[in-house]
Amino acid sequence: MAKVEIYTTPICGFCFRAKSLLTKKGVEFEEIDVMMDGARKAEMIKRANGGRTVPQIFIDDRHIGGCDELFQSEFAGELDGFLSGAV
């Protein structure tokens, strides 16, 4: 299974939706709370090529994007390939 990292804040509805989809699919992920950690937020922005909103989602160090992009990849049938490392 792929390594999944998701940068979040505890008050983010989009973060909740993204985590719910991953959980429903049985995917383990590392959640990184950037709300009170400036260093981790700076790390997220750098890795996401300037993306400042949460969530920011990475699968095997590949930037997927946010919640909308995660769901788009699911609806397009691509997410399982990302998660299995086939794509």
N, C-alpha and C. Protein backbone atom coordinates (compact mmCIF):
# COMPACT_ATOMS: atom_id res chain seq x y z
N MET A 1 0.85 -1.18 0.00
CA MET A 1 0.00 0.00 0.00
C MET A 1 0.89 1.24 0.00
N ALA A 2 0.42 2.27 -0.63
CA ALA A 2 1.16 3.52 -0.76
C ALA A 2 1.23 4.27 0.57
N LYS A 3 2.24 5.13 0.67
CA LYS A 3 2.36 6.01 1.83
C LYS A 3 1.50 7.24 1.56
N VAL A 4 0.54 7.50 2.44
CA VAL A 4 -0.39 8.62 2.27
C VAL A 4 -0.18 9.60 3.42
N GLU A 5 0.01 10.86 3.06
CA GLU A 5 0.16 11.94 4.04
C GLU A 5 -0.89 13.00 3.73
N ILE A 6 -1.51 13.51 4.78
CA ILE A 6 -2.52 14.54 4.60
C ILE A 6 -2.30 15.64 5.65
N TYR A 7 -2.06 16.83 5.14
CA TYR A 7 -1.90 18.01 5.99
C TYR A 7 -3.29 18.57 6.28
N THR A 8 -3.58 18.78 7.55
CA THR A 8 -4.93 19.16 7.96
C THR A 8 -4.91 20.21 9.07
N THR A 9 -6.12 20.67 9.40
CA THR A 9 -6.38 21.38 10.65
C THR A 9 -7.63 20.74 11.25
N PRO A 10 -7.79 20.82 12.57
CA PRO A 10 -8.92 20.15 13.20
C PRO A 10 -10.29 20.77 12.89
N ILE A 11 -10.32 21.99 12.37
CA ILE A 11 -11.59 22.66 12.14
C ILE A 11 -11.97 22.71 10.65
N CYS A 12 -11.40 21.84 9.86
CA CYS A 12 -11.57 21.88 8.41
C CYS A 12 -12.53 20.79 7.94
N GLY A 13 -13.68 21.21 7.40
CA GLY A 13 -14.65 20.25 6.87
C GLY A 13 -14.13 19.48 5.68
N PHE A 14 -13.35 20.13 4.82
CA PHE A 14 -12.78 19.44 3.67
C PHE A 14 -11.78 18.37 4.11
N CYS A 15 -11.04 18.66 5.18
CA CYS A 15 -10.11 17.67 5.73
C CYS A 15 -10.89 16.45 6.21
N PHE A 16 -11.98 16.70 6.90
CA PHE A 16 -12.82 15.61 7.40
C PHE A 16 -13.32 14.75 6.25
N ARG A 17 -13.80 15.38 5.17
CA ARG A 17 -14.30 14.62 4.01
C ARG A 17 -13.19 13.79 3.37
N ALA A 18 -12.02 14.37 3.21
CA ALA A 18 -10.91 13.65 2.59
C ALA A 18 -10.49 12.45 3.46
N LYS A 19 -10.40 12.68 4.76
CA LYS A 19 -10.03 11.59 5.68
C LYS A 19 -11.10 10.51 5.69
N SER A 20 -12.36 10.92 5.61
CA SER A 20 -13.45 9.94 5.58
C SER A 20 -13.38 9.05 4.34
N LEU A 21 -13.08 9.64 3.19
CA LEU A 21 -12.95 8.83 1.97
C LEU A 21 -11.81 7.84 2.09
N LEU A 22 -10.67 8.30 2.58
CA LEU A 22 -9.52 7.41 2.73
C LEU A 22 -9.82 6.30 3.73
N THR A 23 -10.47 6.64 4.83
CA THR A 23 -10.83 5.65 5.84
C THR A 23 -11.81 4.64 5.27
N LYS A 24 -12.80 5.11 4.52
CA LYS A 24 -13.78 4.22 3.90
C LYS A 24 -13.11 3.21 2.96
N LYS A 25 -12.04 3.65 2.31
CA LYS A 25 -11.31 2.78 1.39
C LYS A 25 -10.30 1.89 2.13
N GLY A 26 -10.22 2.03 3.45
CA GLY A 26 -9.31 1.21 4.24
C GLY A 26 -7.86 1.65 4.16
N VAL A 27 -7.65 2.91 3.84
CA VAL A 27 -6.30 3.44 3.65
C VAL A 27 -5.78 4.01 4.96
N GLU A 28 -4.58 3.58 5.35
CA GLU A 28 -3.92 4.19 6.49
C GLU A 28 -3.20 5.43 6.00
N PHE A 29 -3.22 6.49 6.81
CA PHE A 29 -2.58 7.73 6.41
C PHE A 29 -1.97 8.41 7.61
N GLU A 30 -0.95 9.23 7.33
CA GLU A 30 -0.34 10.06 8.36
C GLU A 30 -1.00 11.42 8.28
N GLU A 31 -1.60 11.84 9.38
CA GLU A 31 -2.23 13.16 9.43
C GLU A 31 -1.27 14.14 10.09
N ILE A 32 -1.04 15.26 9.43
CA ILE A 32 -0.12 16.28 9.92
C ILE A 32 -0.92 17.54 10.17
N ASP A 33 -1.10 17.88 11.44
CA ASP A 33 -1.88 19.06 11.84
C ASP A 33 -0.98 20.30 11.73
N VAL A 34 -1.36 21.22 10.85
CA VAL A 34 -0.56 22.42 10.63
C VAL A 34 -1.13 23.66 11.33
N MET A 35 -2.20 23.49 12.07
CA MET A 35 -2.87 24.65 12.66
C MET A 35 -1.96 25.46 13.58
N MET A 36 -1.23 24.79 14.45
CA MET A 36 -0.40 25.49 15.43
C MET A 36 1.10 25.26 15.21
N ASP A 37 1.46 24.66 14.08
CA ASP A 37 2.86 24.32 13.84
C ASP A 37 3.33 25.01 12.56
N GLY A 38 3.93 26.17 12.74
CA GLY A 38 4.38 26.97 11.60
C GLY A 38 5.39 26.26 10.72
N ALA A 39 6.27 25.46 11.33
CA ALA A 39 7.28 24.75 10.55
C ALA A 39 6.63 23.71 9.64
N ARG A 40 5.64 22.99 10.17
CA ARG A 40 4.95 21.98 9.35
C ARG A 40 4.11 22.65 8.25
N LYS A 41 3.54 23.82 8.58
CA LYS A 41 2.77 24.54 7.56
C LYS A 41 3.69 25.00 6.43
N ALA A 42 4.87 25.51 6.78
CA ALA A 42 5.84 25.93 5.76
C ALA A 42 6.26 24.73 4.92
N GLU A 43 6.45 23.58 5.56
CA GLU A 43 6.79 22.35 4.85
C GLU A 43 5.68 21.99 3.85
N MET A 44 4.43 22.09 4.30
CA MET A 44 3.29 21.78 3.43
C MET A 44 3.27 22.71 2.22
N ILE A 45 3.44 23.99 2.45
CA ILE A 45 3.39 24.98 1.36
C ILE A 45 4.49 24.69 0.34
N LYS A 46 5.66 24.37 0.82
CA LYS A 46 6.77 24.06 -0.08
C LYS A 46 6.47 22.80 -0.89
N ARG A 47 6.03 21.75 -0.22
CA ARG A 47 5.75 20.48 -0.91
C ARG A 47 4.60 20.62 -1.89
N ALA A 48 3.62 21.49 -1.58
CA ALA A 48 2.43 21.67 -2.41
C ALA A 48 2.62 22.79 -3.43
N ASN A 49 3.86 23.16 -3.68
CA ASN A 49 4.16 24.20 -4.68
C ASN A 49 3.36 25.48 -4.46
N GLY A 50 3.31 25.91 -3.20
CA GLY A 50 2.63 27.15 -2.85
C GLY A 50 1.22 26.99 -2.34
N GLY A 51 0.70 25.76 -2.34
CA GLY A 51 -0.64 25.52 -1.83
C GLY A 51 -0.73 25.83 -0.35
N ARG A 52 -1.64 26.71 0.02
CA ARG A 52 -1.76 27.15 1.41
C ARG A 52 -3.00 26.64 2.11
N THR A 53 -3.93 26.08 1.36
CA THR A 53 -5.18 25.60 1.96
C THR A 53 -5.02 24.15 2.38
N VAL A 54 -5.85 23.75 3.32
CA VAL A 54 -5.88 22.35 3.75
C VAL A 54 -7.18 21.73 3.30
N PRO A 55 -7.19 20.45 3.05
CA PRO A 55 -6.05 19.55 3.15
C PRO A 55 -5.14 19.65 1.93
N GLN A 56 -3.91 19.21 2.12
CA GLN A 56 -2.99 18.96 1.02
C GLN A 56 -2.62 17.48 1.17
N ILE A 57 -2.80 16.73 0.09
CA ILE A 57 -2.70 15.27 0.16
C ILE A 57 -1.57 14.80 -0.75
N PHE A 58 -0.76 13.88 -0.21
CA PHE A 58 0.36 13.30 -0.94
C PHE A 58 0.25 11.78 -0.87
N ILE A 59 0.43 11.14 -2.01
CA ILE A 59 0.46 9.68 -2.07
C ILE A 59 1.80 9.30 -2.66
N ASP A 60 2.61 8.58 -1.87
CA ASP A 60 3.98 8.24 -2.27
C ASP A 60 4.73 9.48 -2.76
N ASP A 61 4.63 10.56 -1.99
CA ASP A 61 5.29 11.84 -2.25
C ASP A 61 4.78 12.55 -3.51
N ARG A 62 3.75 12.03 -4.14
CA ARG A 62 3.11 12.68 -5.29
C ARG A 62 2.00 13.58 -4.78
N HIS A 63 2.04 14.85 -5.14
CA HIS A 63 1.03 15.79 -4.69
C HIS A 63 -0.27 15.54 -5.43
N ILE A 64 -1.30 15.13 -4.70
CA ILE A 64 -2.61 14.89 -5.29
C ILE A 64 -3.41 16.19 -5.35
N GLY A 65 -3.24 17.02 -4.34
CA GLY A 65 -3.99 18.28 -4.24
C GLY A 65 -4.81 18.27 -2.97
N GLY A 66 -5.98 18.86 -3.06
CA GLY A 66 -6.86 18.96 -1.90
C GLY A 66 -7.99 17.96 -1.96
N CYS A 67 -9.03 18.25 -1.21
CA CYS A 67 -10.19 17.37 -1.12
C CYS A 67 -10.86 17.18 -2.48
N ASP A 68 -11.05 18.28 -3.21
CA ASP A 68 -11.71 18.18 -4.51
C ASP A 68 -10.93 17.29 -5.47
N GLU A 69 -9.63 17.44 -5.50
CA GLU A 69 -8.80 16.63 -6.39
C GLU A 69 -8.80 15.17 -5.97
N LEU A 70 -8.84 14.92 -4.66
CA LEU A 70 -8.91 13.54 -4.18
C LEU A 70 -10.20 12.88 -4.67
N PHE A 71 -11.32 13.58 -4.51
CA PHE A 71 -12.59 13.02 -4.96
C PHE A 71 -12.65 12.91 -6.49
N GLN A 72 -12.07 13.87 -7.20
CA GLN A 72 -12.03 13.78 -8.66
C GLN A 72 -11.27 12.53 -9.10
N SER A 73 -10.15 12.24 -8.44
CA SER A 73 -9.38 11.05 -8.80
C SER A 73 -10.16 9.78 -8.47
N GLU A 74 -10.96 9.82 -7.41
CA GLU A 74 -11.81 8.67 -7.07
C GLU A 74 -12.89 8.47 -8.14
N PHE A 75 -13.57 9.55 -8.51
CA PHE A 75 -14.64 9.45 -9.50
C PHE A 75 -14.12 9.06 -10.88
N ALA A 76 -12.88 9.44 -11.19
CA ALA A 76 -12.27 9.11 -12.48
C ALA A 76 -11.68 7.69 -12.48
N GLY A 77 -11.73 7.02 -11.32
CA GLY A 77 -11.20 5.67 -11.23
C GLY A 77 -9.69 5.60 -11.11
N GLU A 78 -9.05 6.72 -10.76
CA GLU A 78 -7.59 6.78 -10.67
C GLU A 78 -7.06 6.55 -9.27
N LEU A 79 -7.86 6.80 -8.25
CA LEU A 79 -7.36 6.79 -6.88
C LEU A 79 -6.81 5.43 -6.48
N ASP A 80 -7.51 4.36 -6.82
CA ASP A 80 -7.02 3.03 -6.47
C ASP A 80 -5.66 2.75 -7.09
N GLY A 81 -5.44 3.23 -8.30
CA GLY A 81 -4.13 3.07 -8.94
C GLY A 81 -3.05 3.84 -8.20
N PHE A 82 -3.37 5.06 -7.77
CA PHE A 82 -2.41 5.84 -6.98
C PHE A 82 -2.06 5.11 -5.70
N LEU A 83 -3.09 4.56 -5.05
CA LEU A 83 -2.90 3.90 -3.76
C LEU A 83 -2.14 2.58 -3.87
N SER A 84 -2.29 1.91 -5.00
CA SER A 84 -1.58 0.63 -5.17
C SER A 84 -0.20 0.83 -5.76
N GLY A 85 0.11 2.05 -6.17
CA GLY A 85 1.41 2.32 -6.76
C GLY A 85 1.47 2.00 -8.25
N ALA A 86 0.33 1.70 -8.85
CA ALA A 86 0.30 1.32 -10.26
C ALA A 86 0.36 2.54 -11.18
N VAL A 87 0.07 3.71 -10.65
CA VAL A 87 0.06 4.92 -11.50
C VAL A 87 1.18 5.83 -11.10
